[in-house]
C-alpha atoms as a PDB file:
ATOM      1  CA  MET A   1      60.356 114.351 116.940  1.00  0.00           C
ATOM      2  CA  SER A   2      63.870 112.887 117.165  1.00  0.00           C
ATOM      3  CA  LYS A   3      66.870 114.496 115.498  1.00  0.00           C
ATOM      4  CA  ALA A   4      67.370 111.372 113.406  1.00  0.00           C
ATOM      5  CA  PHE A   5      63.836 111.601 112.045  1.00  0.00           C
ATOM      6  CA  GLN A   6      64.296 115.332 111.396  1.00  0.00           C
ATOM      7  CA  PHE A   7      67.500 114.626 109.485  1.00  0.00           C
ATOM      8  CA  VAL A   8      65.933 111.983 107.246  1.00  0.00           C
ATOM      9  CA  LYS A   9      62.879 114.185 106.675  1.00  0.00           C
ATOM     10  CA  TYR A  10      65.119 117.151 105.812  1.00  0.00           C
ATOM     11  CA  VAL A  11      67.057 115.121 103.243  1.00  0.00           C
ATOM     12  CA  ALA A  12      63.828 113.855 101.689  1.00  0.00           C
ATOM     13  CA  GLN A  13      62.414 117.400 101.510  1.00  0.00           C
ATOM     14  CA  LEU A  14      65.592 118.834 100.010  1.00  0.00           C
ATOM     15  CA  THR A  15      65.832 116.137  97.344  1.00  0.00           C
ATOM     16  CA  PRO A  16      62.245 114.985  96.717  1.00  0.00           C
ATOM     17  CA  LYS A  17      62.990 114.018  93.128  1.00  0.00           C
ATOM     18  CA  TYR A  18      65.954 111.845  94.096  1.00  0.00           C
ATOM     19  CA  VAL A  19      64.711 110.149  97.271  1.00  0.00           C
ATOM     20  CA  SER A  20      61.840 107.715  96.811  1.00  0.00           C
ATOM     21  CA  ASN A  21      61.798 106.465 100.397  1.00  0.00           C
ATOM     22  CA  SER A  22      63.593 107.314 103.615  1.00  0.00           C
ATOM     23  CA  PHE A  23      63.554 105.764 107.042  1.00  0.00           C
ATOM     24  CA  HIS A  24      65.549 105.513 110.219  1.00  0.00           C
ATOM     25  CA  ARG A  25      66.200 102.460 112.288  1.00  0.00           C
ATOM     26  CA  GLU A  26      69.587 102.514 113.899  1.00  0.00           C
ATOM     27  CA  PHE A  27      71.078 104.514 111.028  1.00  0.00           C
ATOM     28  CA  TYR A  28      69.727 106.766 108.296  1.00  0.00           C
ATOM     29  CA  TYR A  29      68.524 105.068 105.110  1.00  0.00           C
ATOM     30  CA  LEU A  30      67.608 106.678 101.802  1.00  0.00           C
ATOM     31  CA  HIS A  31      66.205 104.780  98.849  1.00  0.00           C
ATOM     32  CA  THR A  32      66.722 106.135  95.346  1.00  0.00           C
ATOM     33  CA  GLN A  33      66.545 105.033  91.727  1.00  0.00           C
ATOM     34  CA  PRO A  34      69.668 104.330  89.651  1.00  0.00           C
ATOM     35  CA  LYS A  35      69.045 107.319  87.371  1.00  0.00           C
ATOM     36  CA  TYR A  36      69.192 109.701  90.374  1.00  0.00           C
ATOM     37  CA  LEU A  37      72.106 108.093  92.194  1.00  0.00           C
ATOM     38  CA  VAL A  38      74.846 110.448  90.950  1.00  0.00           C
ATOM     39  CA  GLN A  39      72.797 113.584  91.618  1.00  0.00           C
ATOM     40  CA  LEU A  40      71.872 112.438  95.129  1.00  0.00           C
ATOM     41  CA  MET A  41      75.474 111.546  95.971  1.00  0.00           C
ATOM     42  CA  HIS A  42      76.585 114.942  94.660  1.00  0.00           C
ATOM     43  CA  VAL A  43      74.130 116.719  96.994  1.00  0.00           C
ATOM     44  CA  LEU A  44      75.088 114.535  99.959  1.00  0.00           C
ATOM     45  CA  ASN A  45      78.771 115.198  99.346  1.00  0.00           C
ATOM     46  CA  LEU A  46      78.658 118.970  98.835  1.00  0.00           C
ATOM     47  CA  HIS A  47      75.701 120.265 100.864  1.00  0.00           C
ATOM     48  CA  HIS A  48      76.872 122.135 103.974  1.00  0.00           C
ATOM     49  CA  ASN A  49      74.424 120.262 106.255  1.00  0.00           C
ATOM     50  CA  TYR A  50      75.551 116.795 105.113  1.00  0.00           C
ATOM     51  CA  GLN A  51      79.243 116.700 104.186  1.00  0.00           C
ATOM     52  CA  PHE A  52      79.280 112.953 103.462  1.00  0.00           C
ATOM     53  CA  LYS A  53      82.849 113.027 102.190  1.00  0.00           C
ATOM     54  CA  MET A  54      83.861 109.443 102.974  1.00  0.00           C
ATOM     55  CA  PHE A  55      82.763 106.398 101.001  1.00  0.00           C
ATOM     56  CA  MET A  56      83.040 103.588 103.533  1.00  0.00           C
ATOM     57  CA  ASP A  57      81.585 100.530 101.852  1.00  0.00           C
ATOM     58  CA  LEU A  58      79.347  99.098  99.181  1.00  0.00           C
ATOM     59  CA  ALA A  59      77.304  95.966  99.801  1.00  0.00           C
ATOM     60  CA  ALA A  60      75.172  94.000  97.376  1.00  0.00           C
ATOM     61  CA  ILE A  61      72.291  91.643  98.080  1.00  0.00           C
ATOM     62  CA  ASP A  62      70.857  89.150  95.599  1.00  0.00           C
ATOM     63  CA  TYR A  63      67.085  88.677  95.506  1.00  0.00           C
ATOM     64  CA  PRO A  64      66.601  86.352  92.496  1.00  0.00           C
ATOM     65  CA  ALA A  65      62.795  86.328  92.794  1.00  0.00           C
ATOM     66  CA  ASN A  66      62.520  90.124  92.465  1.00  0.00           C
ATOM     67  CA  ARG A  67      62.251  91.986  89.168  1.00  0.00           C
ATOM     68  CA  ASP A  68      65.140  94.188  90.302  1.00  0.00           C
ATOM     69  CA  ARG A  69      67.345  91.350  91.400  1.00  0.00           C
ATOM     70  CA  PHE A  70      70.127  93.248  93.150  1.00  0.00           C
ATOM     71  CA  GLN A  71      70.005  95.761  95.960  1.00  0.00           C
ATOM     72  CA  VAL A  72      73.165  97.814  96.308  1.00  0.00           C
ATOM     73  CA  VAL A  73      73.725  99.649  99.585  1.00  0.00           C
ATOM     74  CA  TYR A  74      76.208 102.534  99.714  1.00  0.00           C
ATOM     75  CA  ASN A  75      77.669 103.371 103.133  1.00  0.00           C
ATOM     76  CA  LEU A  76      78.667 107.038 103.530  1.00  0.00           C
ATOM     77  CA  LEU A  77      80.239 108.814 106.488  1.00  0.00           C
ATOM     78  CA  SER A  78      80.274 112.473 107.496  1.00  0.00           C
ATOM     79  CA  THR A  79      83.205 113.027 109.836  1.00  0.00           C
ATOM     80  CA  LEU A  80      82.225 116.668 110.344  1.00  0.00           C
ATOM     81  CA  TYR A  81      78.780 115.815 111.729  1.00  0.00           C
ATOM     82  CA  ALA A  82      79.555 112.255 112.893  1.00  0.00           C
ATOM     83  CA  ASN A  83      76.718 110.798 110.816  1.00  0.00           C
ATOM     84  CA  ARG A  84      76.495 107.590 108.846  1.00  0.00           C
ATOM     85  CA  LEU A  85      74.094 107.233 105.927  1.00  0.00           C
ATOM     86  CA  PHE A  86      73.068 104.247 103.827  1.00  0.00           C
ATOM     87  CA  VAL A  87      71.783 104.831 100.309  1.00  0.00           C
ATOM     88  CA  LYS A  88      69.908 101.892  98.775  1.00  0.00           C
ATOM     89  CA  VAL A  89      69.440 101.306  95.048  1.00  0.00           C
ATOM     90  CA  ASN A  90      67.638  98.397  93.377  1.00  0.00           C
ATOM     91  CA  ASN A  91      68.866  97.229  89.994  1.00  0.00           C
ATOM     92  CA  ASN A  92      68.251  94.323  87.629  1.00  0.00           C
ATOM     93  CA  GLU A  93      70.999  92.179  86.177  1.00  0.00           C
ATOM     94  CA  THR A  94      70.905  93.675  82.667  1.00  0.00           C
ATOM     95  CA  ASP A  95      71.171  97.392  83.520  1.00  0.00           C
ATOM     96  CA  SER A  96      74.307  99.005  84.871  1.00  0.00           C
ATOM     97  CA  LEU A  97      74.628 101.340  87.821  1.00  0.00           C
ATOM     98  CA  PRO A  98      76.552 104.600  87.483  1.00  0.00           C
ATOM     99  CA  SER A  99      80.052 104.448  88.897  1.00  0.00           C
ATOM    100  CA  LEU A 100      80.907 106.761  91.788  1.00  0.00           C
ATOM    101  CA  THR A 101      84.678 106.611  91.347  1.00  0.00           C
ATOM    102  CA  PHE A 102      84.793 110.188  90.034  1.00  0.00           C
ATOM    103  CA  LYS A 103      83.345 111.452  93.347  1.00  0.00           C
ATOM    104  CA  TYR A 104      84.750 108.803  95.709  1.00  0.00           C
ATOM    105  CA  PRO A 105      87.965 107.173  94.405  1.00  0.00           C
ATOM    106  CA  SER A 106      87.753 104.511  97.134  1.00  0.00           C
ATOM    107  CA  ALA A 107      84.566 103.195  95.477  1.00  0.00           C
ATOM    108  CA  ASN A 108      86.689 101.514  92.792  1.00  0.00           C
ATOM    109  CA  TRP A 109      87.598  98.527  94.980  1.00  0.00           C
ATOM    110  CA  TYR A 110      84.008  97.959  96.092  1.00  0.00           C
ATOM    111  CA  GLU A 111      82.569  98.310  92.589  1.00  0.00           C
ATOM    112  CA  ARG A 112      85.097  95.796  91.282  1.00  0.00           C
ATOM    113  CA  GLU A 113      84.220  93.424  94.127  1.00  0.00           C
ATOM    114  CA  ALA A 114      80.474  93.725  93.389  1.00  0.00           C
ATOM    115  CA  PHE A 115      81.204  93.094  89.707  1.00  0.00           C
ATOM    116  CA  ASP A 116      83.342  90.056  90.501  1.00  0.00           C
ATOM    117  CA  MET A 117      81.072  88.473  93.111  1.00  0.00           C
ATOM    118  CA  PHE A 118      77.608  89.404  91.740  1.00  0.00           C
ATOM    119  CA  GLY A 119      78.115  90.481  88.108  1.00  0.00           C
ATOM    120  CA  ILE A 120      76.777  93.999  88.730  1.00  0.00           C
ATOM    121  CA  HIS A 121      78.102  96.313  86.021  1.00  0.00           C
ATOM    122  CA  PHE A 122      79.069  99.907  86.848  1.00  0.00           C
ATOM    123  CA  SER A 123      79.125 102.286  83.890  1.00  0.00           C
ATOM    124  CA  ASN A 124      82.042 104.720  83.549  1.00  0.00           C
ATOM    125  CA  ASN A 125      84.333 102.573  85.678  1.00  0.00           C
ATOM    126  CA  ASN A 126      87.429 102.097  83.531  1.00  0.00           C
ATOM    127  CA  ASP A 127      88.940  99.450  85.814  1.00  0.00           C
ATOM    128  CA  LEU A 128      86.058  96.981  86.049  1.00  0.00           C
ATOM    129  CA  ARG A 129      87.872  93.641  86.173  1.00  0.00           C
ATOM    130  CA  ARG A 130      87.944  90.708  88.533  1.00  0.00           C
ATOM    131  CA  ILE A 131      89.553  91.430  91.866  1.00  0.00           C
ATOM    132  CA  LEU A 132      88.983  88.382  94.118  1.00  0.00           C
ATOM    133  CA  THR A 133      88.703  85.501  91.643  1.00  0.00           C
ATOM    134  CA  ASP A 134      91.128  84.576  88.898  1.00  0.00           C
ATOM    135  CA  TYR A 135      90.629  85.755  85.332  1.00  0.00           C
ATOM    136  CA  GLY A 136      89.555  82.362  84.034  1.00  0.00           C
ATOM    137  CA  PHE A 137      86.827  82.040  86.655  1.00  0.00           C
ATOM    138  CA  SER A 138      83.358  81.346  85.288  1.00  0.00           C
ATOM    139  CA  GLY A 139      80.318  82.905  86.973  1.00  0.00           C
ATOM    140  CA  HIS A 140      79.770  85.083  90.014  1.00  0.00           C
ATOM    141  CA  PRO A 141      80.062  83.151  93.302  1.00  0.00           C
ATOM    142  CA  LEU A 142      77.804  85.260  95.561  1.00  0.00           C
ATOM    143  CA  ARG A 143      74.749  84.976  93.352  1.00  0.00           C
ATOM    144  CA  LYS A 144      72.060  82.739  94.776  1.00  0.00           C
ATOM    145  CA  ASP A 145      71.935  80.686  91.559  1.00  0.00           C
ATOM    146  CA  PHE A 146      75.669  79.885  91.659  1.00  0.00           C
ATOM    147  CA  PRO A 147      76.249  76.203  92.536  1.00  0.00           C
ATOM    148  CA  MET A 148      77.536  75.602  96.056  1.00  0.00           C
ATOM    149  CA  HIS A 149      80.447  73.499  94.842  1.00  0.00           C
ATOM    150  CA  GLY A 150      81.451  75.748  91.933  1.00  0.00           C
ATOM    151  CA  PHE A 151      82.447  74.507  88.515  1.00  0.00           C
ATOM    152  CA  THR A 152      86.152  73.713  88.849  1.00  0.00           C
ATOM    153  CA  GLU A 153      88.624  72.760  91.529  1.00  0.00           C
ATOM    154  CA  VAL A 154      91.798  74.817  91.709  1.00  0.00           C
ATOM    155  CA  ALA A 155      94.946  73.350  93.227  1.00  0.00           C
ATOM    156  CA  TYR A 156      98.677  73.933  93.141  1.00  0.00           C
ATOM    157  CA  SER A 157     100.715  71.083  91.653  1.00  0.00           C
ATOM    158  CA  GLU A 158     104.099  70.645  93.313  1.00  0.00           C
ATOM    159  CA  ARG A 159     105.194  68.362  90.497  1.00  0.00           C
ATOM    160  CA  ARG A 160     104.314  70.846  87.723  1.00  0.00           C
ATOM    161  CA  LYS A 161     105.022  73.952  89.831  1.00  0.00           C
ATOM    162  CA  THR A 162     101.841  75.612  88.553  1.00  0.00           C
ATOM    163  CA  VAL A 163      98.173  76.021  89.315  1.00  0.00           C
ATOM    164  CA  ILE A 164      95.968  73.322  87.792  1.00  0.00           C
ATOM    165  CA  TYR A 165      92.239  73.332  87.145  1.00  0.00           C
ATOM    166  CA  LYS A 166      90.172  70.161  87.414  1.00  0.00           C
ATOM    167  CA  PRO A 167      86.436  69.749  86.861  1.00  0.00           C
ATOM    168  CA  ILE A 168      84.476  69.047  90.016  1.00  0.00           C
ATOM    169  CA  SER A 169      83.349  65.458  90.409  1.00  0.00           C
ATOM    170  CA  LEU A 170      80.765  64.944  93.139  1.00  0.00           C
ATOM    171  CA  VAL A 171      79.465  61.570  92.036  1.00  0.00           C
ATOM    172  CA  GLN A 172      78.299  59.250  94.796  1.00  0.00           C
ATOM    173  CA  ASN A 173      77.888  55.508  94.643  1.00  0.00           C
ATOM    174  CA  TYR A 174      74.342  54.341  94.080  1.00  0.00           C
ATOM    175  CA  ARG A 175      72.536  53.691  97.331  1.00  0.00           C
ATOM    176  CA  ASN A 176      69.452  51.554  97.589  1.00  0.00           C
ATOM    177  CA  TYR A 177      67.251  52.731 100.423  1.00  0.00           C
ATOM    178  CA  ASP A 178      64.535  50.095  99.922  1.00  0.00           C
ATOM    179  CA  THR A 179      65.289  48.078 103.014  1.00  0.00           C
ATOM    180  CA  LEU A 180      63.121  46.518 105.651  1.00  0.00           C
ATOM    181  CA  THR A 181      62.689  48.643 108.688  1.00  0.00           C
ATOM    182  CA  PRO A 182      62.648  47.436 112.277  1.00  0.00           C
ATOM    183  CA  TRP A 183      59.846  49.878 113.018  1.00  0.00           C
ATOM    184  CA  ASN A 184      56.323  48.605 113.160  1.00  0.00           C
ATOM    185  CA  TYR A 185      53.944  50.900 111.301  1.00  0.00           C
ATOM    186  CA  PHE A 186      50.705  49.684 112.946  1.00  0.00           C
ATOM    187  CA  HIS A 187      50.360  46.758 110.554  1.00  0.00           C
ATOM    188  CA  ASP A 188      49.142  44.456 113.318  1.00  0.00           C
ATOM    189  CA  PHE A 189      46.895  47.013 114.944  1.00  0.00           C
ATOM    190  CA  ASP A 190      43.310  45.901 115.513  1.00  0.00           C
ATOM    191  CA  ILE A 191      40.527  48.208 116.542  1.00  0.00           C
ATOM    192  CA  PRO A 192      39.197  46.933 119.863  1.00  0.00           C
ATOM    193  CA  SER A 193      35.556  46.008 119.913  1.00  0.00           C
ATOM    194  CA  GLN A 194      33.298  48.023 122.132  1.00  0.00           C
ATOM    195  CA  VAL A 195      32.385  46.443 125.433  1.00  0.00           C
END
């Protein structure tokens, strides 16, 4: 039994209520429910065998066909034991996830980014505002249902010395594709008679 498998098994045994699934590929992965996220992170941060003191990243994935549309992946690092751990949580678009800024202050940037790009709400985050798009921006650009071209075009006007917003116009001229083709589609093909 590898040490990686022993580690994941140990975490799952220590926190059976919090961890619904655990596995190891190249790194350690734990899967939990949103209601147990804070408790699990508290154990991972303070337990003497874990010491995951560094919040490295938060990533979100949009699965629009799933009931729980978003999967949020928390990336934690233990510098004491040189371990990296990913904690996965599935969430729908109407419920909010608990904020981890009280435990990991660096989570604020990543939670704001996930809110701005995906529309994922984090409860108890007092600074949940747009961070990468402007305040007048409509929608969340990394959602799969967001149009590829967006809704407005933003440009700087040298004449006005300000930023201007214009609606996107992607109208094409009408094209008629009903043309004769040079290809012969077996119109003149005759079945040869048997000899």
